[in-house]
Amino acid sequence: MHVRKGDTVYVLTGRDRGKRGEIILSIPKRDRVVVEKLNLMKRHQKPSEEYSTGGIVTMEAPMHVSNVMLVCKSCDRPTRVGRKFLDDGTKVRYCKRCGATLD
């Protein structure tokens, strides 16, 4: 996947289109990511140890990884991600817009 936990992303589609957020959970097997405070859904929750009173809980839902684009830290714009090997042999992600390394 082109994004990882902790990356800042820009949402391309859906009702949260145009917003930015940080990835709090990555699910590579299902090609999904959970973005902080975006794609919110309401869930009816029974009382448990985590939710002592129960009721309707608002939480983030996973969205497909193709609906987000990584925001480069150096140029502060959404960008496509490339991968390359450095001289010492390590593989890094880089911004295709400005060429800065992202890792």
PDB file of N, CA and C in Angstrom:
ATOM      1  N   MET A   1       0.844  -1.186   0.000  1.00  0.00           N
ATOM      2  CA  MET A   1       0.000   0.000   0.000  1.00  0.00           C
ATOM      3  C   MET A   1       0.885   1.245   0.000  1.00  0.00           C
ATOM      4  N   HIS A   2       0.359   2.312  -0.558  1.00  0.00           N
ATOM      5  CA  HIS A   2       1.139   3.536  -0.678  1.00  0.00           C
ATOM      6  C   HIS A   2       1.071   4.412   0.565  1.00  0.00           C
ATOM      7  N   VAL A   3       0.227   4.062   1.543  1.00  0.00           N
ATOM      8  CA  VAL A   3       0.123   4.834   2.786  1.00  0.00           C
ATOM      9  C   VAL A   3       0.308   3.909   3.983  1.00  0.00           C
ATOM     10  N   ARG A   4       0.706   4.498   5.104  1.00  0.00           N
ATOM     11  CA  ARG A   4       0.962   3.746   6.324  1.00  0.00           C
ATOM     12  C   ARG A   4       0.329   4.466   7.512  1.00  0.00           C
ATOM     13  N   LYS A   5       0.323   3.790   8.646  1.00  0.00           N
ATOM     14  CA  LYS A   5      -0.174   4.389   9.871  1.00  0.00           C
ATOM     15  C   LYS A   5       0.681   5.605  10.219  1.00  0.00           C
ATOM     16  N   GLY A   6       0.021   6.700  10.561  1.00  0.00           N
ATOM     17  CA  GLY A   6       0.734   7.928  10.911  1.00  0.00           C
ATOM     18  C   GLY A   6       0.866   8.910   9.764  1.00  0.00           C
ATOM     19  N   ASP A   7       0.591   8.490   8.535  1.00  0.00           N
ATOM     20  CA  ASP A   7       0.661   9.387   7.379  1.00  0.00           C
ATOM     21  C   ASP A   7      -0.536  10.331   7.372  1.00  0.00           C
ATOM     22  N   THR A   8      -0.325  11.539   6.889  1.00  0.00           N
ATOM     23  CA  THR A   8      -1.418  12.478   6.660  1.00  0.00           C
ATOM     24  C   THR A   8      -1.909  12.271   5.239  1.00  0.00           C
ATOM     25  N   VAL A   9      -3.233  12.134   5.089  1.00  0.00           N
ATOM     26  CA  VAL A   9      -3.806  11.858   3.783  1.00  0.00           C
ATOM     27  C   VAL A   9      -4.895  12.865   3.450  1.00  0.00           C
ATOM     28  N   TYR A  10      -5.179  12.974   2.155  1.00  0.00           N
ATOM     29  CA  TYR A  10      -6.220  13.822   1.599  1.00  0.00           C
ATOM     30  C   TYR A  10      -7.289  12.900   1.034  1.00  0.00           C
ATOM     31  N   VAL A  11      -8.562  13.121   1.402  1.00  0.00           N
ATOM     32  CA  VAL A  11      -9.642  12.247   0.952  1.00  0.00           C
ATOM     33  C   VAL A  11     -10.120  12.713  -0.422  1.00  0.00           C
ATOM     34  N   LEU A  12     -10.169  11.775  -1.391  1.00  0.00           N
ATOM     35  CA  LEU A  12     -10.521  12.099  -2.769  1.00  0.00           C
ATOM     36  C   LEU A  12     -12.011  11.986  -3.058  1.00  0.00           C
ATOM     37  N   THR A  13     -12.709  11.049  -2.421  1.00  0.00           N
ATOM     38  CA  THR A  13     -14.108  10.813  -2.733  1.00  0.00           C
ATOM     39  C   THR A  13     -14.916  10.626  -1.462  1.00  0.00           C
ATOM     40  N   GLY A  14     -16.235  10.678  -1.611  1.00  0.00           N
ATOM     41  CA  GLY A  14     -17.122  10.460  -0.479  1.00  0.00           C
ATOM     42  C   GLY A  14     -17.574  11.767   0.140  1.00  0.00           C
ATOM     43  N   ARG A  15     -18.317  11.653   1.221  1.00  0.00           N
ATOM     44  CA  ARG A  15     -18.866  12.860   1.837  1.00  0.00           C
ATOM     45  C   ARG A  15     -17.800  13.690   2.544  1.00  0.00           C
ATOM     46  N   ASP A  16     -16.632  13.119   2.813  1.00  0.00           N
ATOM     47  CA  ASP A  16     -15.527  13.853   3.429  1.00  0.00           C
ATOM     48  C   ASP A  16     -14.488  14.301   2.412  1.00  0.00           C
ATOM     49  N   ARG A  17     -14.879  14.392   1.127  1.00  0.00           N
ATOM     50  CA  ARG A  17     -13.964  14.782   0.060  1.00  0.00           C
ATOM     51  C   ARG A  17     -13.352  16.147   0.355  1.00  0.00           C
ATOM     52  N   GLY A  18     -12.033  16.244   0.179  1.00  0.00           N
ATOM     53  CA  GLY A  18     -11.330  17.503   0.376  1.00  0.00           C
ATOM     54  C   GLY A  18     -10.769  17.685   1.770  1.00  0.00           C
ATOM     55  N   LYS A  19     -11.055  16.797   2.694  1.00  0.00           N
ATOM     56  CA  LYS A  19     -10.555  16.929   4.064  1.00  0.00           C
ATOM     57  C   LYS A  19      -9.256  16.155   4.225  1.00  0.00           C
ATOM     58  N   ARG A  20      -8.489  16.562   5.232  1.00  0.00           N
ATOM     59  CA  ARG A  20      -7.233  15.893   5.551  1.00  0.00           C
ATOM     60  C   ARG A  20      -7.339  15.250   6.922  1.00  0.00           C
ATOM     61  N   GLY A  21      -6.611  14.171   7.110  1.00  0.00           N
ATOM     62  CA  GLY A  21      -6.587  13.498   8.398  1.00  0.00           C
ATOM     63  C   GLY A  21      -5.409  12.550   8.480  1.00  0.00           C
ATOM     64  N   GLU A  22      -5.175  12.040   9.687  1.00  0.00           N
ATOM     65  CA  GLU A  22      -4.065  11.131   9.916  1.00  0.00           C
ATOM     66  C   GLU A  22      -4.588   9.701   9.985  1.00  0.00           C
ATOM     67  N   ILE A  23      -3.847   8.767   9.416  1.00  0.00           N
ATOM     68  CA  ILE A  23      -4.234   7.365   9.436  1.00  0.00           C
ATOM     69  C   ILE A  23      -3.954   6.805  10.826  1.00  0.00           C
ATOM     70  N   ILE A  24      -5.005   6.220  11.443  1.00  0.00           N
ATOM     71  CA  ILE A  24      -4.829   5.632  12.765  1.00  0.00           C
ATOM     72  C   ILE A  24      -4.791   4.110  12.715  1.00  0.00           C
ATOM     73  N   LEU A  25      -5.248   3.525  11.592  1.00  0.00           N
ATOM     74  CA  LEU A  25      -5.221   2.075  11.443  1.00  0.00           C
ATOM     75  C   LEU A  25      -5.135   1.727   9.967  1.00  0.00           C
ATOM     76  N   SER A  26      -4.262   0.793   9.646  1.00  0.00           N
ATOM     77  CA  SER A  26      -4.106   0.326   8.271  1.00  0.00           C
ATOM     78  C   SER A  26      -4.451  -1.159   8.229  1.00  0.00           C
ATOM     79  N   ILE A  27      -5.284  -1.558   7.245  1.00  0.00           N
ATOM     80  CA  ILE A  27      -5.690  -2.955   7.092  1.00  0.00           C
ATOM     81  C   ILE A  27      -5.272  -3.412   5.691  1.00  0.00           C
ATOM     82  N   PRO A  28      -4.011  -3.838   5.515  1.00  0.00           N
ATOM     83  CA  PRO A  28      -3.503  -4.159   4.178  1.00  0.00           C
ATOM     84  C   PRO A  28      -4.204  -5.333   3.505  1.00  0.00           C
ATOM     85  N   LYS A  29      -4.661  -6.327   4.261  1.00  0.00           N
ATOM     86  CA  LYS A  29      -5.304  -7.491   3.649  1.00  0.00           C
ATOM     87  C   LYS A  29      -6.608  -7.121   2.967  1.00  0.00           C
ATOM     88  N   ARG A  30      -7.288  -6.087   3.461  1.00  0.00           N
ATOM     89  CA  ARG A  30      -8.555  -5.652   2.870  1.00  0.00           C
ATOM     90  C   ARG A  30      -8.410  -4.347   2.085  1.00  0.00           C
ATOM     91  N   ASP A  31      -7.181  -3.824   1.949  1.00  0.00           N
ATOM     92  CA  ASP A  31      -6.902  -2.558   1.266  1.00  0.00           C
ATOM     93  C   ASP A  31      -7.732  -1.425   1.851  1.00  0.00           C
ATOM     94  N   ARG A  32      -7.766  -1.313   3.165  1.00  0.00           N
ATOM     95  CA  ARG A  32      -8.563  -0.295   3.845  1.00  0.00           C
ATOM     96  C   ARG A  32      -7.705   0.464   4.847  1.00  0.00           C
ATOM     97  N   VAL A  33      -8.099   1.703   5.106  1.00  0.00           N
ATOM     98  CA  VAL A  33      -7.464   2.520   6.128  1.00  0.00           C
ATOM     99  C   VAL A  33      -8.551   3.207   6.945  1.00  0.00           C
ATOM    100  N   VAL A  34      -8.231   3.516   8.209  1.00  0.00           N
ATOM    101  CA  VAL A  34      -9.122   4.274   9.079  1.00  0.00           C
ATOM    102  C   VAL A  34      -8.455   5.615   9.313  1.00  0.00           C
ATOM    103  N   VAL A  35      -9.159   6.700   8.957  1.00  0.00           N
ATOM    104  CA  VAL A  35      -8.615   8.044   9.075  1.00  0.00           C
ATOM    105  C   VAL A  35      -9.261   8.728  10.264  1.00  0.00           C
ATOM    106  N   GLU A  36      -8.442   9.388  11.073  1.00  0.00           N
ATOM    107  CA  GLU A  36      -8.904  10.020  12.302  1.00  0.00           C
ATOM    108  C   GLU A  36      -9.942  11.108  12.022  1.00  0.00           C
ATOM    109  N   LYS A  37     -11.103  10.994  12.677  1.00  0.00           N
ATOM    110  CA  LYS A  37     -12.208  11.958  12.621  1.00  0.00           C
ATOM    111  C   LYS A  37     -12.824  12.126  11.239  1.00  0.00           C
ATOM    112  N   LEU A  38     -12.656  11.136  10.341  1.00  0.00           N
ATOM    113  CA  LEU A  38     -13.277  11.172   9.021  1.00  0.00           C
ATOM    114  C   LEU A  38     -14.023   9.870   8.777  1.00  0.00           C
ATOM    115  N   ASN A  39     -15.011   9.900   7.887  1.00  0.00           N
ATOM    116  CA  ASN A  39     -15.858   8.759   7.561  1.00  0.00           C
ATOM    117  C   ASN A  39     -16.523   8.198   8.818  1.00  0.00           C
ATOM    118  N   LEU A  40     -17.141   9.094   9.579  1.00  0.00           N
ATOM    119  CA  LEU A  40     -17.761   8.718  10.841  1.00  0.00           C
ATOM    120  C   LEU A  40     -19.069   7.982  10.618  1.00  0.00           C
ATOM    121  N   MET A  41     -19.343   7.008  11.491  1.00  0.00           N
ATOM    122  CA  MET A  41     -20.602   6.275  11.458  1.00  0.00           C
ATOM    123  C   MET A  41     -21.105   6.128  12.882  1.00  0.00           C
ATOM    124  N   LYS A  42     -22.414   5.934  13.021  1.00  0.00           N
ATOM    125  CA  LYS A  42     -23.008   5.720  14.329  1.00  0.00           C
ATOM    126  C   LYS A  42     -23.293   4.241  14.498  1.00  0.00           C
ATOM    127  N   ARG A  43     -23.022   3.733  15.684  1.00  0.00           N
ATOM    128  CA  ARG A  43     -23.202   2.316  15.959  1.00  0.00           C
ATOM    129  C   ARG A  43     -23.947   2.159  17.271  1.00  0.00           C
ATOM    130  N   HIS A  44     -24.931   1.277  17.295  1.00  0.00           N
ATOM    131  CA  HIS A  44     -25.661   0.981  18.524  1.00  0.00           C
ATOM    132  C   HIS A  44     -24.844  -0.030  19.310  1.00  0.00           C
ATOM    133  N   GLN A  45     -24.387   0.369  20.487  1.00  0.00           N
ATOM    134  CA  GLN A  45     -23.456  -0.431  21.268  1.00  0.00           C
ATOM    135  C   GLN A  45     -24.104  -0.901  22.563  1.00  0.00           C
ATOM    136  N   LYS A  46     -23.988  -2.195  22.849  1.00  0.00           N
ATOM    137  CA  LYS A  46     -24.455  -2.727  24.132  1.00  0.00           C
ATOM    138  C   LYS A  46     -23.501  -2.280  25.227  1.00  0.00           C
ATOM    139  N   PRO A  47     -23.957  -2.175  26.458  1.00  0.00           N
ATOM    140  CA  PRO A  47     -23.047  -1.849  27.560  1.00  0.00           C
ATOM    141  C   PRO A  47     -21.962  -2.916  27.712  1.00  0.00           C
ATOM    142  N   SER A  48     -20.721  -2.479  27.895  1.00  0.00           N
ATOM    143  CA  SER A  48     -19.589  -3.384  28.074  1.00  0.00           C
ATOM    144  C   SER A  48     -18.564  -2.675  28.946  1.00  0.00           C
ATOM    145  N   GLU A  49     -17.401  -3.271  29.113  1.00  0.00           N
ATOM    146  CA  GLU A  49     -16.355  -2.631  29.912  1.00  0.00           C
ATOM    147  C   GLU A  49     -15.878  -1.339  29.255  1.00  0.00           C
ATOM    148  N   GLU A  50     -15.770  -1.348  27.929  1.00  0.00           N
ATOM    149  CA  GLU A  50     -15.295  -0.164  27.209  1.00  0.00           C
ATOM    150  C   GLU A  50     -16.364   0.923  27.176  1.00  0.00           C
ATOM    151  N   TYR A  51     -17.626   0.535  26.920  1.00  0.00           N
ATOM    152  CA  TYR A  51     -18.744   1.467  26.879  1.00  0.00           C
ATOM    153  C   TYR A  51     -19.685   1.108  28.026  1.00  0.00           C
ATOM    154  N   SER A  52     -19.490   1.748  29.174  1.00  0.00           N
ATOM    155  CA  SER A  52     -20.222   1.343  30.369  1.00  0.00           C
ATOM    156  C   SER A  52     -21.724   1.597  30.248  1.00  0.00           C
ATOM    157  N   THR A  53     -22.123   2.684  29.592  1.00  0.00           N
ATOM    158  CA  THR A  53     -23.547   2.980  29.491  1.00  0.00           C
ATOM    159  C   THR A  53     -24.165   2.423  28.218  1.00  0.00           C
ATOM    160  N   GLY A  54     -23.364   2.154  27.210  1.00  0.00           N
ATOM    161  CA  GLY A  54     -23.901   1.700  25.932  1.00  0.00           C
ATOM    162  C   GLY A  54     -24.519   2.865  25.190  1.00  0.00           C
ATOM    163  N   GLY A  55     -25.458   2.586  24.275  1.00  0.00           N
ATOM    164  CA  GLY A  55     -26.117   3.643  23.520  1.00  0.00           C
ATOM    165  C   GLY A  55     -25.547   3.767  22.120  1.00  0.00           C
ATOM    166  N   ILE A  56     -25.742   4.936  21.521  1.00  0.00           N
ATOM    167  CA  ILE A  56     -25.276   5.183  20.158  1.00  0.00           C
ATOM    168  C   ILE A  56     -23.882   5.794  20.232  1.00  0.00           C
ATOM    169  N   VAL A  57     -22.919   5.133  19.595  1.00  0.00           N
ATOM    170  CA  VAL A  57     -21.518   5.545  19.631  1.00  0.00           C
ATOM    171  C   VAL A  57     -21.098   5.973  18.237  1.00  0.00           C
ATOM    172  N   THR A  58     -20.394   7.103  18.128  1.00  0.00           N
ATOM    173  CA  THR A  58     -19.852   7.564  16.850  1.00  0.00           C
ATOM    174  C   THR A  58     -18.410   7.096  16.739  1.00  0.00           C
ATOM    175  N   MET A  59     -18.087   6.439  15.616  1.00  0.00           N
ATOM    176  CA  MET A  59     -16.734   5.927  15.422  1.00  0.00           C
ATOM    177  C   MET A  59     -16.342   6.027  13.948  1.00  0.00           C
ATOM    178  N   GLU A  60     -15.028   5.944  13.692  1.00  0.00           N
ATOM    179  CA  GLU A  60     -14.521   6.007  12.328  1.00  0.00           C
ATOM    180  C   GLU A  60     -14.706   4.661  11.641  1.00  0.00           C
ATOM    181  N   ALA A  61     -15.132   4.696  10.394  1.00  0.00           N
ATOM    182  CA  ALA A  61     -15.284   3.484   9.598  1.00  0.00           C
ATOM    183  C   ALA A  61     -14.111   3.383   8.619  1.00  0.00           C
ATOM    184  N   PRO A  62     -13.714   2.165   8.239  1.00  0.00           N
ATOM    185  CA  PRO A  62     -12.637   2.019   7.263  1.00  0.00           C
ATOM    186  C   PRO A  62     -13.067   2.503   5.879  1.00  0.00           C
ATOM    187  N   MET A  63     -12.124   3.042   5.130  1.00  0.00           N
ATOM    188  CA  MET A  63     -12.381   3.431   3.745  1.00  0.00           C
ATOM    189  C   MET A  63     -11.311   2.798   2.859  1.00  0.00           C
ATOM    190  N   HIS A  64     -11.627   2.643   1.590  1.00  0.00           N
ATOM    191  CA  HIS A  64     -10.690   1.997   0.673  1.00  0.00           C
ATOM    192  C   HIS A  64      -9.475   2.890   0.458  1.00  0.00           C
ATOM    193  N   VAL A  65      -8.327   2.263   0.328  1.00  0.00           N
ATOM    194  CA  VAL A  65      -7.064   2.991   0.214  1.00  0.00           C
ATOM    195  C   VAL A  65      -6.997   3.811  -1.076  1.00  0.00           C
ATOM    196  N   SER A  66      -7.768   3.428  -2.104  1.00  0.00           N
ATOM    197  CA  SER A  66      -7.758   4.189  -3.354  1.00  0.00           C
ATOM    198  C   SER A  66      -8.477   5.521  -3.226  1.00  0.00           C
ATOM    199  N   ASN A  67      -9.224   5.719  -2.145  1.00  0.00           N
ATOM    200  CA  ASN A  67      -9.955   6.967  -1.944  1.00  0.00           C
ATOM    201  C   ASN A  67      -9.147   8.013  -1.189  1.00  0.00           C
ATOM    202  N   VAL A  68      -7.897   7.719  -0.859  1.00  0.00           N
ATOM    203  CA  VAL A  68      -7.051   8.678  -0.162  1.00  0.00           C
ATOM    204  C   VAL A  68      -5.755   8.879  -0.930  1.00  0.00           C
ATOM    205  N   MET A  69      -5.156  10.043  -0.752  1.00  0.00           N
ATOM    206  CA  MET A  69      -3.886  10.371  -1.390  1.00  0.00           C
ATOM    207  C   MET A  69      -2.958  10.956  -0.327  1.00  0.00           C
ATOM    208  N   LEU A  70      -1.734  10.515  -0.326  1.00  0.00           N
ATOM    209  CA  LEU A  70      -0.760  10.951   0.663  1.00  0.00           C
ATOM    210  C   LEU A  70      -0.429  12.429   0.497  1.00  0.00           C
ATOM    211  N   VAL A  71      -0.298  13.141   1.621  1.00  0.00           N
ATOM    212  CA  VAL A  71       0.107  14.549   1.605  1.00  0.00           C
ATOM    213  C   VAL A  71       1.590  14.605   1.938  1.00  0.00           C
ATOM    214  N   CYS A  72       2.367  15.205   1.036  1.00  0.00           N
ATOM    215  CA  CYS A  72       3.814  15.337   1.222  1.00  0.00           C
ATOM    216  C   CYS A  72       4.093  16.357   2.325  1.00  0.00           C
ATOM    217  N   LYS A  73       5.055  16.038   3.190  1.00  0.00           N
ATOM    218  CA  LYS A  73       5.379  16.946   4.292  1.00  0.00           C
ATOM    219  C   LYS A  73       6.172  18.163   3.817  1.00  0.00           C
ATOM    220  N   SER A  74       6.948  18.008   2.754  1.00  0.00           N
ATOM    221  CA  SER A  74       7.781  19.128   2.321  1.00  0.00           C
ATOM    222  C   SER A  74       7.010  20.123   1.449  1.00  0.00           C
ATOM    223  N   CYS A  75       6.193  19.638   0.505  1.00  0.00           N
ATOM    224  CA  CYS A  75       5.447  20.573  -0.354  1.00  0.00           C
ATOM    225  C   CYS A  75       4.011  20.785   0.121  1.00  0.00           C
ATOM    226  N   ASP A  76       3.555  20.031   1.127  1.00  0.00           N
ATOM    227  CA  ASP A  76       2.240  20.185   1.761  1.00  0.00           C
ATOM    228  C   ASP A  76       1.092  20.100   0.764  1.00  0.00           C
ATOM    229  N   ARG A  77       1.223  19.193  -0.219  1.00  0.00           N
ATOM    230  CA  ARG A  77       0.173  18.986  -1.223  1.00  0.00           C
ATOM    231  C   ARG A  77      -0.032  17.494  -1.424  1.00  0.00           C
ATOM    232  N   PRO A  78      -1.242  17.072  -1.835  1.00  0.00           N
ATOM    233  CA  PRO A  78      -1.458  15.653  -2.137  1.00  0.00           C
ATOM    234  C   PRO A  78      -0.594  15.223  -3.317  1.00  0.00           C
ATOM    235  N   THR A  79      -0.034  14.039  -3.217  1.00  0.00           N
ATOM    236  CA  THR A  79       0.895  13.596  -4.239  1.00  0.00           C
ATOM    237  C   THR A  79       0.803  12.091  -4.447  1.00  0.00           C
ATOM    238  N   ARG A  80       1.245  11.658  -5.617  1.00  0.00           N
ATOM    239  CA  ARG A  80       1.410  10.233  -5.854  1.00  0.00           C
ATOM    240  C   ARG A  80       2.719   9.792  -5.212  1.00  0.00           C
ATOM    241  N   VAL A  81       2.815   8.512  -4.918  1.00  0.00           N
ATOM    242  CA  VAL A  81       3.965   7.985  -4.200  1.00  0.00           C
ATOM    243  C   VAL A  81       4.761   7.075  -5.115  1.00  0.00           C
ATOM    244  N   GLY A  82       6.077   7.265  -5.130  1.00  0.00           N
ATOM    245  CA  GLY A  82       6.973   6.385  -5.853  1.00  0.00           C
ATOM    246  C   GLY A  82       7.874   5.659  -4.874  1.00  0.00           C
ATOM    247  N   ARG A  83       8.523   4.614  -5.341  1.00  0.00           N
ATOM    248  CA  ARG A  83       9.462   3.868  -4.510  1.00  0.00           C
ATOM    249  C   ARG A  83      10.793   3.771  -5.244  1.00  0.00           C
ATOM    250  N   LYS A  84      11.867   3.954  -4.490  1.00  0.00           N
ATOM    251  CA  LYS A  84      13.193   3.840  -5.087  1.00  0.00           C
ATOM    252  C   LYS A  84      14.180   3.327  -4.046  1.00  0.00           C
ATOM    253  N   PHE A  85      15.325   2.856  -4.534  1.00  0.00           N
ATOM    254  CA  PHE A  85      16.389   2.385  -3.671  1.00  0.00           C
ATOM    255  C   PHE A  85      17.439   3.478  -3.547  1.00  0.00           C
ATOM    256  N   LEU A  86      17.895   3.724  -2.331  1.00  0.00           N
ATOM    257  CA  LEU A  86      18.981   4.666  -2.097  1.00  0.00           C
ATOM    258  C   LEU A  86      20.321   3.986  -2.368  1.00  0.00           C
ATOM    259  N   ASP A  87      21.410   4.758  -2.287  1.00  0.00           N
ATOM    260  CA  ASP A  87      22.747   4.221  -2.560  1.00  0.00           C
ATOM    261  C   ASP A  87      23.137   3.118  -1.576  1.00  0.00           C
ATOM    262  N   ASP A  88      22.656   3.209  -0.329  1.00  0.00           N
ATOM    263  CA  ASP A  88      22.991   2.185   0.662  1.00  0.00           C
ATOM    264  C   ASP A  88      22.088   0.949   0.572  1.00  0.00           C
ATOM    265  N   GLY A  89      21.143   0.933  -0.377  1.00  0.00           N
ATOM    266  CA  GLY A  89      20.314  -0.243  -0.611  1.00  0.00           C
ATOM    267  C   GLY A  89      18.975  -0.247   0.096  1.00  0.00           C
ATOM    268  N   THR A  90      18.661   0.817   0.837  1.00  0.00           N
ATOM    269  CA  THR A  90      17.367   0.854   1.518  1.00  0.00           C
ATOM    270  C   THR A  90      16.288   1.345   0.564  1.00  0.00           C
ATOM    271  N   LYS A  91      15.104   0.771   0.701  1.00  0.00           N
ATOM    272  CA  LYS A  91      13.969   1.138  -0.149  1.00  0.00           C
ATOM    273  C   LYS A  91      13.158   2.212   0.562  1.00  0.00           C
ATOM    274  N   VAL A  92      12.873   3.322  -0.124  1.00  0.00           N
ATOM    275  CA  VAL A  92      12.125   4.426   0.470  1.00  0.00           C
ATOM    276  C   VAL A  92      11.002   4.865  -0.459  1.00  0.00           C
ATOM    277  N   ARG A  93      10.003   5.515   0.135  1.00  0.00           N
ATOM    278  CA  ARG A  93       8.945   6.141  -0.652  1.00  0.00           C
ATOM    279  C   ARG A  93       9.354   7.586  -0.919  1.00  0.00           C
ATOM    280  N   TYR A  94       8.958   8.107  -2.095  1.00  0.00           N
ATOM    281  CA  TYR A  94       9.284   9.495  -2.385  1.00  0.00           C
ATOM    282  C   TYR A  94       8.085  10.176  -3.042  1.00  0.00           C
ATOM    283  N   CYS A  95       8.050  11.496  -2.927  1.00  0.00           N
ATOM    284  CA  CYS A  95       6.993  12.325  -3.497  1.00  0.00           C
ATOM    285  C   CYS A  95       7.272  12.498  -4.980  1.00  0.00           C
ATOM    286  N   LYS A  96       6.299  12.160  -5.841  1.00  0.00           N
ATOM    287  CA  LYS A  96       6.505  12.308  -7.266  1.00  0.00           C
ATOM    288  C   LYS A  96       6.350  13.758  -7.705  1.00  0.00           C
ATOM    289  N   ARG A  97       5.837  14.619  -6.841  1.00  0.00           N
ATOM    290  CA  ARG A  97       5.656  16.030  -7.182  1.00  0.00           C
ATOM    291  C   ARG A  97       6.953  16.832  -6.959  1.00  0.00           C
ATOM    292  N   CYS A  98       7.579  16.643  -5.776  1.00  0.00           N
ATOM    293  CA  CYS A  98       8.777  17.435  -5.470  1.00  0.00           C
ATOM    294  C   CYS A  98      10.040  16.591  -5.353  1.00  0.00           C
ATOM    295  N   GLY A  99       9.906  15.259  -5.255  1.00  0.00           N
ATOM    296  CA  GLY A  99      11.077  14.394  -5.196  1.00  0.00           C
ATOM    297  C   GLY A  99      11.610  14.134  -3.806  1.00  0.00           C
ATOM    298  N   ALA A 100      10.992  14.688  -2.757  1.00  0.00           N
ATOM    299  CA  ALA A 100      11.463  14.494  -1.390  1.00  0.00           C
ATOM    300  C   ALA A 100      11.134  13.092  -0.901  1.00  0.00           C
ATOM    301  N   THR A 101      12.011  12.545  -0.056  1.00  0.00           N
ATOM    302  CA  THR A 101      11.738  11.225   0.509  1.00  0.00           C
ATOM    303  C   THR A 101      10.710  11.352   1.623  1.00  0.00           C
ATOM    304  N   LEU A 102       9.849  10.343   1.742  1.00  0.00           N
ATOM    305  CA  LEU A 102       8.748  10.394   2.707  1.00  0.00           C
ATOM    306  C   LEU A 102       9.021   9.552   3.938  1.00  0.00           C
ATOM    307  N   ASP A 103      10.012   8.684   3.910  1.00  0.00           N
ATOM    308  CA  ASP A 103      10.292   7.813   5.063  1.00  0.00           C
ATOM    309  C   ASP A 103      11.400   8.376   5.925  1.00  0.00           C
TER     310      ASP A 103
END
